[in-house]
C-alpha atoms as a PDB file:
ATOM      1  CA  UNK A   1       0.035   0.188   0.022  1.00  0.00           C
ATOM      2  CA  UNK A   2       1.048   3.811  -0.690  1.00  0.00           C
ATOM      3  CA  UNK A   3      -0.203   6.749  -1.466  1.00  0.00           C
ATOM      4  CA  UNK A   4      -0.191   6.954  -6.079  1.00  0.00           C
ATOM      5  CA  UNK A   5      -0.004  11.250  -6.694  1.00  0.00           C
ATOM      6  CA  UNK A   6       0.952  10.616  -9.845  1.00  0.00           C
ATOM      7  CA  UNK A   7      -2.269   9.344 -10.505  1.00  0.00           C
ATOM      8  CA  UNK A   8      -4.650  11.457  -7.797  1.00  0.00           C
ATOM      9  CA  UNK A   9      -3.146  14.447  -9.793  1.00  0.00           C
ATOM     10  CA  UNK A  10      -3.853  13.429 -13.177  1.00  0.00           C
ATOM     11  CA  UNK A  11      -7.284  12.149 -12.761  1.00  0.00           C
ATOM     12  CA  UNK A  12      -8.565  15.641 -10.846  1.00  0.00           C
ATOM     13  CA  UNK A  13      -6.645  17.649 -13.699  1.00  0.00           C
ATOM     14  CA  UNK A  14      -8.081  15.413 -16.279  1.00  0.00           C
ATOM     15  CA  UNK A  15     -11.492  16.447 -16.004  1.00  0.00           C
ATOM     16  CA  UNK A  16     -10.159  20.592 -16.170  1.00  0.00           C
ATOM     17  CA  UNK A  17      -8.566  19.529 -19.542  1.00  0.00           C
ATOM     18  CA  UNK A  18     -11.720  17.939 -20.718  1.00  0.00           C
ATOM     19  CA  UNK A  19     -13.282  21.094 -19.709  1.00  0.00           C
ATOM     20  CA  UNK A  20     -11.872  22.371 -22.804  1.00  0.00           C
ATOM     21  CA  UNK A  21     -11.452  25.864 -20.826  1.00  0.00           C
ATOM     22  CA  UNK A  22      -8.369  26.199 -19.489  1.00  0.00           C
ATOM     23  CA  UNK A  23      -5.478  27.735 -22.343  1.00  0.00           C
ATOM     24  CA  UNK A  24      -2.589  25.533 -19.519  1.00  0.00           C
ATOM     25  CA  UNK A  25      -3.607  23.037 -16.863  1.00  0.00           C
ATOM     26  CA  UNK A  26      -0.439  22.638 -14.390  1.00  0.00           C
ATOM     27  CA  UNK A  27       0.075  19.856 -11.943  1.00  0.00           C
ATOM     28  CA  UNK A  28       2.352  22.368  -9.651  1.00  0.00           C
ATOM     29  CA  UNK A  29       1.838  25.860  -8.180  1.00  0.00           C
ATOM     30  CA  UNK A  30       3.061  28.853 -10.622  1.00  0.00           C
ATOM     31  CA  UNK A  31       6.294  30.594  -9.224  1.00  0.00           C
ATOM     32  CA  UNK A  32       6.145  33.363 -12.293  1.00  0.00           C
ATOM     33  CA  UNK A  33       3.105  34.496 -14.449  1.00  0.00           C
ATOM     34  CA  UNK A  34       1.774  31.502 -16.426  1.00  0.00           C
ATOM     35  CA  UNK A  35       0.423  33.250 -19.138  1.00  0.00           C
ATOM     36  CA  UNK A  36      -2.692  34.916 -20.857  1.00  0.00           C
ATOM     37  CA  UNK A  37      -6.390  33.074 -20.505  1.00  0.00           C
ATOM     38  CA  UNK A  38      -8.140  30.826 -18.086  1.00  0.00           C
ATOM     39  CA  UNK A  39      -5.305  28.777 -16.115  1.00  0.00           C
ATOM     40  CA  UNK A  40      -5.935  25.573 -13.751  1.00  0.00           C
ATOM     41  CA  UNK A  41      -2.882  24.698 -11.295  1.00  0.00           C
ATOM     42  CA  UNK A  42      -3.141  21.679  -8.774  1.00  0.00           C
ATOM     43  CA  UNK A  43      -0.970  20.668  -5.624  1.00  0.00           C
ATOM     44  CA  UNK A  44      -0.298  18.748  -2.603  1.00  0.00           C
ATOM     45  CA  UNK A  45      -1.731  21.137  -0.133  1.00  0.00           C
ATOM     46  CA  UNK A  46      -2.096  18.870   3.036  1.00  0.00           C
ATOM     47  CA  UNK A  47      -2.118  15.100   4.285  1.00  0.00           C
ATOM     48  CA  UNK A  48      -3.135  13.896   7.433  1.00  0.00           C
ATOM     49  CA  UNK A  49      -4.663  10.348   8.623  1.00  0.00           C
ATOM     50  CA  UNK A  50      -8.133   9.821   8.884  1.00  0.00           C
ATOM     51  CA  UNK A  51      -8.607   8.129  12.715  1.00  0.00           C
ATOM     52  CA  UNK A  52     -12.520   7.001  11.776  1.00  0.00           C
ATOM     53  CA  UNK A  53     -11.702   5.422   8.965  1.00  0.00           C
ATOM     54  CA  UNK A  54      -8.660   3.426   9.761  1.00  0.00           C
ATOM     55  CA  UNK A  55      -8.354  -0.196  11.245  1.00  0.00           C
ATOM     56  CA  UNK A  56      -6.181  -2.118  13.622  1.00  0.00           C
ATOM     57  CA  UNK A  57      -3.739  -3.274  10.274  1.00  0.00           C
ATOM     58  CA  UNK A  58      -4.287   0.056   7.924  1.00  0.00           C
ATOM     59  CA  UNK A  59      -4.200   3.539   7.448  1.00  0.00           C
ATOM     60  CA  UNK A  60      -6.873   5.521   5.312  1.00  0.00           C
ATOM     61  CA  UNK A  61      -5.599   9.391   4.531  1.00  0.00           C
ATOM     62  CA  UNK A  62      -7.401  12.607   3.536  1.00  0.00           C
ATOM     63  CA  UNK A  63      -4.862  14.453   0.581  1.00  0.00           C
ATOM     64  CA  UNK A  64      -5.796  17.927   0.311  1.00  0.00           C
ATOM     65  CA  UNK A  65      -5.022  19.038  -3.359  1.00  0.00           C
ATOM     66  CA  UNK A  66      -5.086  23.181  -4.091  1.00  0.00           C
ATOM     67  CA  UNK A  67      -6.567  24.569  -7.385  1.00  0.00           C
ATOM     68  CA  UNK A  68      -5.737  27.481  -7.815  1.00  0.00           C
ATOM     69  CA  UNK A  69      -7.856  29.071 -11.323  1.00  0.00           C
ATOM     70  CA  UNK A  70      -6.577  32.160 -12.725  1.00  0.00           C
ATOM     71  CA  UNK A  71      -6.765  34.794 -15.162  1.00  0.00           C
ATOM     72  CA  UNK A  72      -5.057  38.321 -16.241  1.00  0.00           C
ATOM     73  CA  UNK A  73      -7.736  40.375 -13.473  1.00  0.00           C
ATOM     74  CA  UNK A  74      -7.151  43.314 -16.658  1.00  0.00           C
ATOM     75  CA  UNK A  75      -8.498  40.691 -19.568  1.00  0.00           C
ATOM     76  CA  UNK A  76     -11.500  42.750 -21.597  1.00  0.00           C
ATOM     77  CA  UNK A  77     -14.080  43.550 -20.558  1.00  0.00           C
ATOM     78  CA  UNK A  78     -13.780  43.633 -17.184  1.00  0.00           C
ATOM     79  CA  UNK A  79     -17.186  42.742 -16.530  1.00  0.00           C
ATOM     80  CA  UNK A  80     -16.581  38.961 -18.119  1.00  0.00           C
ATOM     81  CA  UNK A  81     -13.337  37.997 -15.712  1.00  0.00           C
ATOM     82  CA  UNK A  82     -15.303  36.834 -13.265  1.00  0.00           C
ATOM     83  CA  UNK A  83     -17.667  35.602 -15.056  1.00  0.00           C
ATOM     84  CA  UNK A  84     -15.192  33.390 -16.820  1.00  0.00           C
ATOM     85  CA  UNK A  85     -13.400  32.847 -13.614  1.00  0.00           C
ATOM     86  CA  UNK A  86     -16.898  31.688 -11.595  1.00  0.00           C
ATOM     87  CA  UNK A  87     -17.902  29.600 -14.369  1.00  0.00           C
ATOM     88  CA  UNK A  88     -14.572  27.569 -14.815  1.00  0.00           C
ATOM     89  CA  UNK A  89     -14.722  27.279 -11.227  1.00  0.00           C
ATOM     90  CA  UNK A  90     -18.283  25.476 -11.315  1.00  0.00           C
ATOM     91  CA  UNK A  91     -17.455  23.308 -14.157  1.00  0.00           C
ATOM     92  CA  UNK A  92     -14.322  21.950 -12.114  1.00  0.00           C
ATOM     93  CA  UNK A  93     -16.746  21.537  -9.300  1.00  0.00           C
ATOM     94  CA  UNK A  94     -18.932  19.860 -11.181  1.00  0.00           C
ATOM     95  CA  UNK A  95     -16.479  17.546 -12.397  1.00  0.00           C
ATOM     96  CA  UNK A  96     -15.559  16.611  -9.351  1.00  0.00           C
ATOM     97  CA  UNK A  97     -18.857  16.163  -7.962  1.00  0.00           C
ATOM     98  CA  UNK A  98     -19.711  13.713 -11.226  1.00  0.00           C
ATOM     99  CA  UNK A  99     -16.879  11.860 -10.460  1.00  0.00           C
ATOM    100  CA  UNK A 100     -16.949  11.492  -7.393  1.00  0.00           C
ATOM    101  CA  UNK A 101     -14.526   9.078  -6.845  1.00  0.00           C
ATOM    102  CA  UNK A 102     -11.901   9.989  -9.715  1.00  0.00           C
ATOM    103  CA  UNK A 103     -12.144   7.010 -11.630  1.00  0.00           C
ATOM    104  CA  UNK A 104     -12.031   4.349  -8.968  1.00  0.00           C
ATOM    105  CA  UNK A 105      -8.756   5.608  -7.408  1.00  0.00           C
ATOM    106  CA  UNK A 106     -10.136   7.658  -4.870  1.00  0.00           C
ATOM    107  CA  UNK A 107     -12.480   6.273  -1.945  1.00  0.00           C
ATOM    108  CA  UNK A 108     -14.235   9.128  -3.000  1.00  0.00           C
ATOM    109  CA  UNK A 109     -13.697  12.988  -3.235  1.00  0.00           C
ATOM    110  CA  UNK A 110     -14.812  14.393   0.444  1.00  0.00           C
ATOM    111  CA  UNK A 111     -18.021  17.292  -0.715  1.00  0.00           C
ATOM    112  CA  UNK A 112     -19.069  17.832   2.106  1.00  0.00           C
ATOM    113  CA  UNK A 113     -16.755  17.764   4.462  1.00  0.00           C
ATOM    114  CA  UNK A 114     -16.648  14.929   6.537  1.00  0.00           C
ATOM    115  CA  UNK A 115     -13.535  14.391   7.538  1.00  0.00           C
ATOM    116  CA  UNK A 116     -12.009  18.240   6.656  1.00  0.00           C
ATOM    117  CA  UNK A 117     -12.606  21.429   4.598  1.00  0.00           C
ATOM    118  CA  UNK A 118     -15.460  20.330   2.094  1.00  0.00           C
ATOM    119  CA  UNK A 119     -14.846  21.044  -1.360  1.00  0.00           C
ATOM    120  CA  UNK A 120     -14.870  24.871  -1.793  1.00  0.00           C
ATOM    121  CA  UNK A 121     -13.764  27.699  -3.839  1.00  0.00           C
ATOM    122  CA  UNK A 122     -12.919  31.238  -2.523  1.00  0.00           C
ATOM    123  CA  UNK A 123     -12.065  34.073  -4.178  1.00  0.00           C
ATOM    124  CA  UNK A 124      -9.309  36.828  -4.755  1.00  0.00           C
ATOM    125  CA  UNK A 125      -6.338  38.399  -6.528  1.00  0.00           C
ATOM    126  CA  UNK A 126      -2.797  36.684  -6.917  1.00  0.00           C
ATOM    127  CA  UNK A 127       0.017  38.837  -8.306  1.00  0.00           C
ATOM    128  CA  UNK A 128       3.167  37.489 -10.045  1.00  0.00           C
ATOM    129  CA  UNK A 129       5.802  39.777 -11.071  1.00  0.00           C
ATOM    130  CA  UNK A 130       4.186  42.359 -12.800  1.00  0.00           C
ATOM    131  CA  UNK A 131       1.032  41.070 -13.293  1.00  0.00           C
ATOM    132  CA  UNK A 132      -2.371  40.802 -11.358  1.00  0.00           C
ATOM    133  CA  UNK A 133      -5.140  37.425 -11.881  1.00  0.00           C
ATOM    134  CA  UNK A 134      -8.004  37.205 -10.562  1.00  0.00           C
ATOM    135  CA  UNK A 135      -7.964  33.643  -8.770  1.00  0.00           C
ATOM    136  CA  UNK A 136     -10.159  31.172  -7.430  1.00  0.00           C
ATOM    137  CA  UNK A 137      -8.341  28.911  -5.142  1.00  0.00           C
ATOM    138  CA  UNK A 138     -10.308  25.431  -5.587  1.00  0.00           C
ATOM    139  CA  UNK A 139      -9.979  23.246  -2.123  1.00  0.00           C
ATOM    140  CA  UNK A 140     -10.207  19.794  -3.703  1.00  0.00           C
ATOM    141  CA  UNK A 141     -10.006  16.809  -0.452  1.00  0.00           C
ATOM    142  CA  UNK A 142      -9.657  13.557  -1.304  1.00  0.00           C
ATOM    143  CA  UNK A 143     -10.433  10.542   0.818  1.00  0.00           C
ATOM    144  CA  UNK A 144      -7.720   7.157   0.416  1.00  0.00           C
ATOM    145  CA  UNK A 145      -8.668   4.275   1.983  1.00  0.00           C
ATOM    146  CA  UNK A 146      -6.076   1.507   3.427  1.00  0.00           C
ATOM    147  CA  UNK A 147      -2.949   4.033   1.948  1.00  0.00           C
ATOM    148  CA  UNK A 148      -0.847   2.448   4.794  1.00  0.00           C
ATOM    149  CA  UNK A 149      -0.161  -0.422   6.373  1.00  0.00           C
ATOM    150  CA  UNK A 150       0.088  -0.431  10.060  1.00  0.00           C
ATOM    151  CA  UNK A 151       2.666  -2.147  11.677  1.00  0.00           C
ATOM    152  CA  UNK A 152       3.279  -2.686  15.754  1.00  0.00           C
END
């Protein structure tokens, strides 16, 4: 038993790619301005054990991914910036809810927050270099059963 981050991240990012909305989909947090258009980045934010789902010989975990939808804040027309970013977040969250187990790679996406923060999005701004981006930060909580073997 072991965590397969590549499989979890790949399953989560494939939803973004399937929407056809994004200029780029990245499996890492950007450290410099990622460009123009709608961009989606996804990375690991937190990992914790889940005592209530663990047993005598295995440990279940909650792997929290952070997704960030970005678009330049100065895009024209300005009124369309929020519409575009909110539409992209809606599409992503709809896809995560519709594929509750990410193609069987996880036990479930913790939609309602049984074991921590639920699937959610917070809106704000991010600045890279000299560019300000409108940003939506998405919490994507994944529940993974029997991730590790417990040994006496």
